[in-house]
Amino acid sequence: MTAVKEKILGAVTVMSNSDAEEFWELISKKYNPSWNEIEEVSPDELDLQMLKAIEDDPECHEFTKESDISWE
């Protein structure tokens, strides 16, 4: 995952639900026709490790504080 995608995920994590809904509307308006064209890929080894950690370790969830997010 690129740094930009990680920043987006971090930003969404700290958004209010209403802000997240607005953000989703922006994404949907821009990319809606092409969402169905996105190729589904199988998870790689790192993805599988992260999914296992989510299932097995309730303390593995790490969130970024809003104050630590750069809005550049």
PDB file of N, CA and C in Angstrom:
ATOM      1  N   MET A   1       0.845  -1.166   0.000  1.00  0.00           N
ATOM      2  CA  MET A   1       0.000   0.000   0.000  1.00  0.00           C
ATOM      3  C   MET A   1       0.893   1.233   0.000  1.00  0.00           C
ATOM      4  N   THR A   2       0.501   2.230  -0.768  1.00  0.00           N
ATOM      5  CA  THR A   2       1.317   3.439  -0.852  1.00  0.00           C
ATOM      6  C   THR A   2       1.074   4.332   0.359  1.00  0.00           C
ATOM      7  N   ALA A   3       1.979   5.274   0.568  1.00  0.00           N
ATOM      8  CA  ALA A   3       1.857   6.210   1.686  1.00  0.00           C
ATOM      9  C   ALA A   3       0.581   7.033   1.581  1.00  0.00           C
ATOM     10  N   VAL A   4       0.212   7.409   0.366  1.00  0.00           N
ATOM     11  CA  VAL A   4      -1.005   8.202   0.185  1.00  0.00           C
ATOM     12  C   VAL A   4      -2.228   7.403   0.611  1.00  0.00           C
ATOM     13  N   LYS A   5      -2.289   6.142   0.236  1.00  0.00           N
ATOM     14  CA  LYS A   5      -3.420   5.304   0.628  1.00  0.00           C
ATOM     15  C   LYS A   5      -3.459   5.133   2.144  1.00  0.00           C
ATOM     16  N   GLU A   6      -2.304   4.986   2.762  1.00  0.00           N
ATOM     17  CA  GLU A   6      -2.255   4.870   4.217  1.00  0.00           C
ATOM     18  C   GLU A   6      -2.751   6.145   4.880  1.00  0.00           C
ATOM     19  N   LYS A   7      -2.395   7.309   4.319  1.00  0.00           N
ATOM     20  CA  LYS A   7      -2.875   8.581   4.858  1.00  0.00           C
ATOM     21  C   LYS A   7      -4.392   8.686   4.730  1.00  0.00           C
ATOM     22  N   ILE A   8      -4.918   8.247   3.601  1.00  0.00           N
ATOM     23  CA  ILE A   8      -6.372   8.287   3.399  1.00  0.00           C
ATOM     24  C   ILE A   8      -7.063   7.393   4.425  1.00  0.00           C
ATOM     25  N   LEU A   9      -6.564   6.186   4.614  1.00  0.00           N
ATOM     26  CA  LEU A   9      -7.159   5.281   5.603  1.00  0.00           C
ATOM     27  C   LEU A   9      -7.089   5.874   7.009  1.00  0.00           C
ATOM     28  N   GLY A  10      -5.963   6.486   7.341  1.00  0.00           N
ATOM     29  CA  GLY A  10      -5.825   7.119   8.650  1.00  0.00           C
ATOM     30  C   GLY A  10      -6.805   8.263   8.827  1.00  0.00           C
ATOM     31  N   ALA A  11      -6.973   9.058   7.775  1.00  0.00           N
ATOM     32  CA  ALA A  11      -7.900  10.182   7.845  1.00  0.00           C
ATOM     33  C   ALA A  11      -9.333   9.702   8.011  1.00  0.00           C
ATOM     34  N   VAL A  12      -9.705   8.676   7.279  1.00  0.00           N
ATOM     35  CA  VAL A  12     -11.067   8.145   7.379  1.00  0.00           C
ATOM     36  C   VAL A  12     -11.306   7.571   8.773  1.00  0.00           C
ATOM     37  N   THR A  13     -10.298   6.981   9.358  1.00  0.00           N
ATOM     38  CA  THR A  13     -10.430   6.381  10.679  1.00  0.00           C
ATOM     39  C   THR A  13     -10.843   7.415  11.729  1.00  0.00           C
ATOM     40  N   VAL A  14     -10.337   8.627  11.624  1.00  0.00           N
ATOM     41  CA  VAL A  14     -10.631   9.638  12.643  1.00  0.00           C
ATOM     42  C   VAL A  14     -11.798  10.544  12.267  1.00  0.00           C
ATOM     43  N   MET A  15     -12.369  10.367  11.078  1.00  0.00           N
ATOM     44  CA  MET A  15     -13.506  11.189  10.647  1.00  0.00           C
ATOM     45  C   MET A  15     -14.761  10.834  11.425  1.00  0.00           C
ATOM     46  N   SER A  16     -15.630  11.814  11.540  1.00  0.00           N
ATOM     47  CA  SER A  16     -16.956  11.514  12.070  1.00  0.00           C
ATOM     48  C   SER A  16     -17.708  10.719  11.007  1.00  0.00           C
ATOM     49  N   ASN A  17     -18.776  10.053  11.402  1.00  0.00           N
ATOM     50  CA  ASN A  17     -19.556   9.284  10.433  1.00  0.00           C
ATOM     51  C   ASN A  17     -20.117  10.177   9.333  1.00  0.00           C
ATOM     52  N   SER A  18     -20.555  11.370   9.684  1.00  0.00           N
ATOM     53  CA  SER A  18     -21.122  12.253   8.662  1.00  0.00           C
ATOM     54  C   SER A  18     -20.045  12.708   7.679  1.00  0.00           C
ATOM     55  N   ASP A  19     -18.838  12.992   8.175  1.00  0.00           N
ATOM     56  CA  ASP A  19     -17.741  13.352   7.268  1.00  0.00           C
ATOM     57  C   ASP A  19     -17.372  12.181   6.366  1.00  0.00           C
ATOM     58  N   ALA A  20     -17.359  10.971   6.928  1.00  0.00           N
ATOM     59  CA  ALA A  20     -17.042   9.790   6.137  1.00  0.00           C
ATOM     60  C   ALA A  20     -18.095   9.578   5.045  1.00  0.00           C
ATOM     61  N   GLU A  21     -19.365   9.823   5.369  1.00  0.00           N
ATOM     62  CA  GLU A  21     -20.421   9.692   4.367  1.00  0.00           C
ATOM     63  C   GLU A  21     -20.243  10.706   3.242  1.00  0.00           C
ATOM     64  N   GLU A  22     -19.884  11.933   3.588  1.00  0.00           N
ATOM     65  CA  GLU A  22     -19.616  12.950   2.560  1.00  0.00           C
ATOM     66  C   GLU A  22     -18.441  12.530   1.686  1.00  0.00           C
ATOM     67  N   PHE A  23     -17.397  12.036   2.320  1.00  0.00           N
ATOM     68  CA  PHE A  23     -16.219  11.586   1.582  1.00  0.00           C
ATOM     69  C   PHE A  23     -16.591  10.447   0.634  1.00  0.00           C
ATOM     70  N   TRP A  24     -17.410   9.500   1.118  1.00  0.00           N
ATOM     71  CA  TRP A  24     -17.838   8.385   0.280  1.00  0.00           C
ATOM     72  C   TRP A  24     -18.634   8.884  -0.916  1.00  0.00           C
ATOM     73  N   GLU A  25     -19.481   9.895  -0.706  1.00  0.00           N
ATOM     74  CA  GLU A  25     -20.254  10.466  -1.811  1.00  0.00           C
ATOM     75  C   GLU A  25     -19.326  11.044  -2.880  1.00  0.00           C
ATOM     76  N   LEU A  26     -18.271  11.736  -2.463  1.00  0.00           N
ATOM     77  CA  LEU A  26     -17.292  12.275  -3.416  1.00  0.00           C
ATOM     78  C   LEU A  26     -16.635  11.148  -4.212  1.00  0.00           C
ATOM     79  N   ILE A  27     -16.238  10.110  -3.516  1.00  0.00           N
ATOM     80  CA  ILE A  27     -15.604   8.968  -4.189  1.00  0.00           C
ATOM     81  C   ILE A  27     -16.588   8.314  -5.146  1.00  0.00           C
ATOM     82  N   SER A  28     -17.809   8.104  -4.690  1.00  0.00           N
ATOM     83  CA  SER A  28     -18.822   7.445  -5.517  1.00  0.00           C
ATOM     84  C   SER A  28     -19.126   8.240  -6.779  1.00  0.00           C
ATOM     85  N   LYS A  29     -19.222   9.555  -6.638  1.00  0.00           N
ATOM     86  CA  LYS A  29     -19.522  10.388  -7.805  1.00  0.00           C
ATOM     87  C   LYS A  29     -18.404  10.314  -8.839  1.00  0.00           C
ATOM     88  N   LYS A  30     -17.172  10.285  -8.369  1.00  0.00           N
ATOM     89  CA  LYS A  30     -16.048  10.279  -9.307  1.00  0.00           C
ATOM     90  C   LYS A  30     -15.792   8.895  -9.907  1.00  0.00           C
ATOM     91  N   TYR A  31     -15.929   7.826  -9.128  1.00  0.00           N
ATOM     92  CA  TYR A  31     -15.498   6.504  -9.570  1.00  0.00           C
ATOM     93  C   TYR A  31     -16.614   5.479  -9.709  1.00  0.00           C
ATOM     94  N   ASN A  32     -17.844   5.850  -9.446  1.00  0.00           N
ATOM     95  CA  ASN A  32     -18.943   4.899  -9.424  1.00  0.00           C
ATOM     96  C   ASN A  32     -19.013   4.001 -10.658  1.00  0.00           C
ATOM     97  N   PRO A  33     -18.962   4.527 -11.872  1.00  0.00           N
ATOM     98  CA  PRO A  33     -19.075   3.618 -13.021  1.00  0.00           C
ATOM     99  C   PRO A  33     -17.948   2.593 -13.099  1.00  0.00           C
ATOM    100  N   SER A  34     -16.785   2.917 -12.571  1.00  0.00           N
ATOM    101  CA  SER A  34     -15.656   2.003 -12.725  1.00  0.00           C
ATOM    102  C   SER A  34     -15.477   1.044 -11.552  1.00  0.00           C
ATOM    103  N   TRP A  35     -16.234   1.193 -10.452  1.00  0.00           N
ATOM    104  CA  TRP A  35     -16.078   0.282  -9.324  1.00  0.00           C
ATOM    105  C   TRP A  35     -16.297  -1.165  -9.750  1.00  0.00           C
ATOM    106  N   ASN A  36     -17.250  -1.396 -10.635  1.00  0.00           N
ATOM    107  CA  ASN A  36     -17.541  -2.764 -11.074  1.00  0.00           C
ATOM    108  C   ASN A  36     -16.461  -3.333 -11.978  1.00  0.00           C
ATOM    109  N   GLU A  37     -15.590  -2.468 -12.460  1.00  0.00           N
ATOM    110  CA  GLU A  37     -14.535  -2.907 -13.368  1.00  0.00           C
ATOM    111  C   GLU A  37     -13.228  -3.223 -12.634  1.00  0.00           C
ATOM    112  N   ILE A  38     -13.204  -3.005 -11.336  1.00  0.00           N
ATOM    113  CA  ILE A  38     -11.977  -3.247 -10.575  1.00  0.00           C
ATOM    114  C   ILE A  38     -11.779  -4.748 -10.420  1.00  0.00           C
ATOM    115  N   GLU A  39     -10.604  -5.185 -10.801  1.00  0.00           N
ATOM    116  CA  GLU A  39     -10.289  -6.605 -10.718  1.00  0.00           C
ATOM    117  C   GLU A  39     -10.076  -7.014  -9.266  1.00  0.00           C
ATOM    118  N   GLU A  40     -10.704  -8.099  -8.871  1.00  0.00           N
ATOM    119  CA  GLU A  40     -10.517  -8.624  -7.526  1.00  0.00           C
ATOM    120  C   GLU A  40      -9.262  -9.488  -7.510  1.00  0.00           C
ATOM    121  N   VAL A  41      -8.417  -9.258  -6.519  1.00  0.00           N
ATOM    122  CA  VAL A  41      -7.189 -10.041  -6.402  1.00  0.00           C
ATOM    123  C   VAL A  41      -7.187 -10.774  -5.070  1.00  0.00           C
ATOM    124  N   SER A  42      -6.501 -11.872  -5.041  1.00  0.00           N
ATOM    125  CA  SER A  42      -6.376 -12.642  -3.815  1.00  0.00           C
ATOM    126  C   SER A  42      -5.402 -11.950  -2.868  1.00  0.00           C
ATOM    127  N   PRO A  43      -5.622 -12.087  -1.565  1.00  0.00           N
ATOM    128  CA  PRO A  43      -4.695 -11.471  -0.612  1.00  0.00           C
ATOM    129  C   PRO A  43      -3.319 -12.124  -0.695  1.00  0.00           C
ATOM    130  N   ASP A  44      -2.288 -11.293  -0.516  1.00  0.00           N
ATOM    131  CA  ASP A  44      -0.933 -11.849  -0.491  1.00  0.00           C
ATOM    132  C   ASP A  44      -0.602 -12.262   0.940  1.00  0.00           C
ATOM    133  N   GLU A  45       0.619 -12.707   1.173  1.00  0.00           N
ATOM    134  CA  GLU A  45       1.009 -13.231   2.483  1.00  0.00           C
ATOM    135  C   GLU A  45       0.876 -12.174   3.577  1.00  0.00           C
ATOM    136  N   LEU A  46       1.254 -10.933   3.293  1.00  0.00           N
ATOM    137  CA  LEU A  46       1.133  -9.865   4.291  1.00  0.00           C
ATOM    138  C   LEU A  46      -0.335  -9.610   4.630  1.00  0.00           C
ATOM    139  N   ASP A  47      -1.193  -9.586   3.622  1.00  0.00           N
ATOM    140  CA  ASP A  47      -2.629  -9.411   3.861  1.00  0.00           C
ATOM    141  C   ASP A  47      -3.153 -10.518   4.775  1.00  0.00           C
ATOM    142  N   LEU A  48      -2.766 -11.749   4.491  1.00  0.00           N
ATOM    143  CA  LEU A  48      -3.226 -12.889   5.292  1.00  0.00           C
ATOM    144  C   LEU A  48      -2.738 -12.791   6.736  1.00  0.00           C
ATOM    145  N   GLN A  49      -1.517 -12.317   6.920  1.00  0.00           N
ATOM    146  CA  GLN A  49      -0.983 -12.150   8.271  1.00  0.00           C
ATOM    147  C   GLN A  49      -1.779 -11.081   9.028  1.00  0.00           C
ATOM    148  N   MET A  50      -2.090  -9.972   8.348  1.00  0.00           N
ATOM    149  CA  MET A  50      -2.851  -8.905   8.991  1.00  0.00           C
ATOM    150  C   MET A  50      -4.264  -9.366   9.335  1.00  0.00           C
ATOM    151  N   LEU A  51      -4.902 -10.094   8.434  1.00  0.00           N
ATOM    152  CA  LEU A  51      -6.242 -10.600   8.699  1.00  0.00           C
ATOM    153  C   LEU A  51      -6.236 -11.559   9.885  1.00  0.00           C
ATOM    154  N   LYS A  52      -5.208 -12.396   9.971  1.00  0.00           N
ATOM    155  CA  LYS A  52      -5.103 -13.334  11.097  1.00  0.00           C
ATOM    156  C   LYS A  52      -4.912 -12.567  12.399  1.00  0.00           C
ATOM    157  N   ALA A  53      -4.083 -11.533  12.379  1.00  0.00           N
ATOM    158  CA  ALA A  53      -3.864 -10.730  13.583  1.00  0.00           C
ATOM    159  C   ALA A  53      -5.157 -10.048  14.023  1.00  0.00           C
ATOM    160  N   ILE A  54      -5.938  -9.562  13.076  1.00  0.00           N
ATOM    161  CA  ILE A  54      -7.216  -8.925  13.411  1.00  0.00           C
ATOM    162  C   ILE A  54      -8.138  -9.921  14.095  1.00  0.00           C
ATOM    163  N   GLU A  55      -8.159 -11.137  13.611  1.00  0.00           N
ATOM    164  CA  GLU A  55      -9.025 -12.167  14.189  1.00  0.00           C
ATOM    165  C   GLU A  55      -8.534 -12.652  15.551  1.00  0.00           C
ATOM    166  N   ASP A  56      -7.212 -12.798  15.700  1.00  0.00           N
ATOM    167  CA  ASP A  56      -6.652 -13.443  16.885  1.00  0.00           C
ATOM    168  C   ASP A  56      -6.241 -12.495  18.009  1.00  0.00           C
ATOM    169  N   ASP A  57      -5.898 -11.252  17.684  1.00  0.00           N
ATOM    170  CA  ASP A  57      -5.346 -10.331  18.678  1.00  0.00           C
ATOM    171  C   ASP A  57      -6.206  -9.073  18.774  1.00  0.00           C
ATOM    172  N   PRO A  58      -7.053  -8.987  19.798  1.00  0.00           N
ATOM    173  CA  PRO A  58      -7.930  -7.821  19.903  1.00  0.00           C
ATOM    174  C   PRO A  58      -7.172  -6.514  20.134  1.00  0.00           C
ATOM    175  N   GLU A  59      -5.903  -6.602  20.512  1.00  0.00           N
ATOM    176  CA  GLU A  59      -5.114  -5.399  20.746  1.00  0.00           C
ATOM    177  C   GLU A  59      -4.268  -4.997  19.532  1.00  0.00           C
ATOM    178  N   CYS A  60      -4.449  -5.671  18.410  1.00  0.00           N
ATOM    179  CA  CYS A  60      -3.608  -5.380  17.245  1.00  0.00           C
ATOM    180  C   CYS A  60      -4.064  -4.139  16.486  1.00  0.00           C
ATOM    181  N   HIS A  61      -5.247  -3.652  16.775  1.00  0.00           N
ATOM    182  CA  HIS A  61      -5.773  -2.498  16.065  1.00  0.00           C
ATOM    183  C   HIS A  61      -5.025  -1.248  16.512  1.00  0.00           C
ATOM    184  N   GLU A  62      -4.355  -0.623  15.581  1.00  0.00           N
ATOM    185  CA  GLU A  62      -3.587   0.576  15.890  1.00  0.00           C
ATOM    186  C   GLU A  62      -4.168   1.726  15.089  1.00  0.00           C
ATOM    187  N   PHE A  63      -4.506   2.805  15.778  1.00  0.00           N
ATOM    188  CA  PHE A  63      -5.109   3.950  15.119  1.00  0.00           C
ATOM    189  C   PHE A  63      -4.188   5.160  15.226  1.00  0.00           C
ATOM    190  N   THR A  64      -4.260   6.002  14.238  1.00  0.00           N
ATOM    191  CA  THR A  64      -3.472   7.226  14.219  1.00  0.00           C
ATOM    192  C   THR A  64      -4.309   8.359  14.794  1.00  0.00           C
ATOM    193  N   LYS A  65      -3.730   9.091  15.749  1.00  0.00           N
ATOM    194  CA  LYS A  65      -4.441  10.232  16.313  1.00  0.00           C
ATOM    195  C   LYS A  65      -4.570  11.317  15.245  1.00  0.00           C
ATOM    196  N   GLU A  66      -5.668  12.036  15.293  1.00  0.00           N
ATOM    197  CA  GLU A  66      -5.905  13.099  14.314  1.00  0.00           C
ATOM    198  C   GLU A  66      -4.757  14.109  14.329  1.00  0.00           C
ATOM    199  N   SER A  67      -4.215  14.393  15.498  1.00  0.00           N
ATOM    200  CA  SER A  67      -3.127  15.362  15.601  1.00  0.00           C
ATOM    201  C   SER A  67      -1.847  14.890  14.913  1.00  0.00           C
ATOM    202  N   ASP A  68      -1.738  13.574  14.657  1.00  0.00           N
ATOM    203  CA  ASP A  68      -0.552  13.032  13.996  1.00  0.00           C
ATOM    204  C   ASP A  68      -0.695  12.950  12.473  1.00  0.00           C
ATOM    205  N   ILE A  69      -1.869  13.317  11.963  1.00  0.00           N
ATOM    206  CA  ILE A  69      -2.109  13.223  10.533  1.00  0.00           C
ATOM    207  C   ILE A  69      -1.712  14.526   9.860  1.00  0.00           C
ATOM    208  N   SER A  70      -0.931  14.421   8.818  1.00  0.00           N
ATOM    209  CA  SER A  70      -0.533  15.591   8.038  1.00  0.00           C
ATOM    210  C   SER A  70      -1.556  15.812   6.942  1.00  0.00           C
ATOM    211  N   TRP A  71      -2.121  17.007   6.882  1.00  0.00           N
ATOM    212  CA  TRP A  71      -3.176  17.314   5.910  1.00  0.00           C
ATOM    213  C   TRP A  71      -2.609  18.073   4.712  1.00  0.00           C
ATOM    214  N   GLU A  72      -1.405  17.745   4.312  1.00  0.00           N
ATOM    215  CA  GLU A  72      -0.765  18.441   3.182  1.00  0.00           C
ATOM    216  C   GLU A  72      -1.364  18.039   1.869  1.00  0.00           C
TER     217      GLU A  72
END
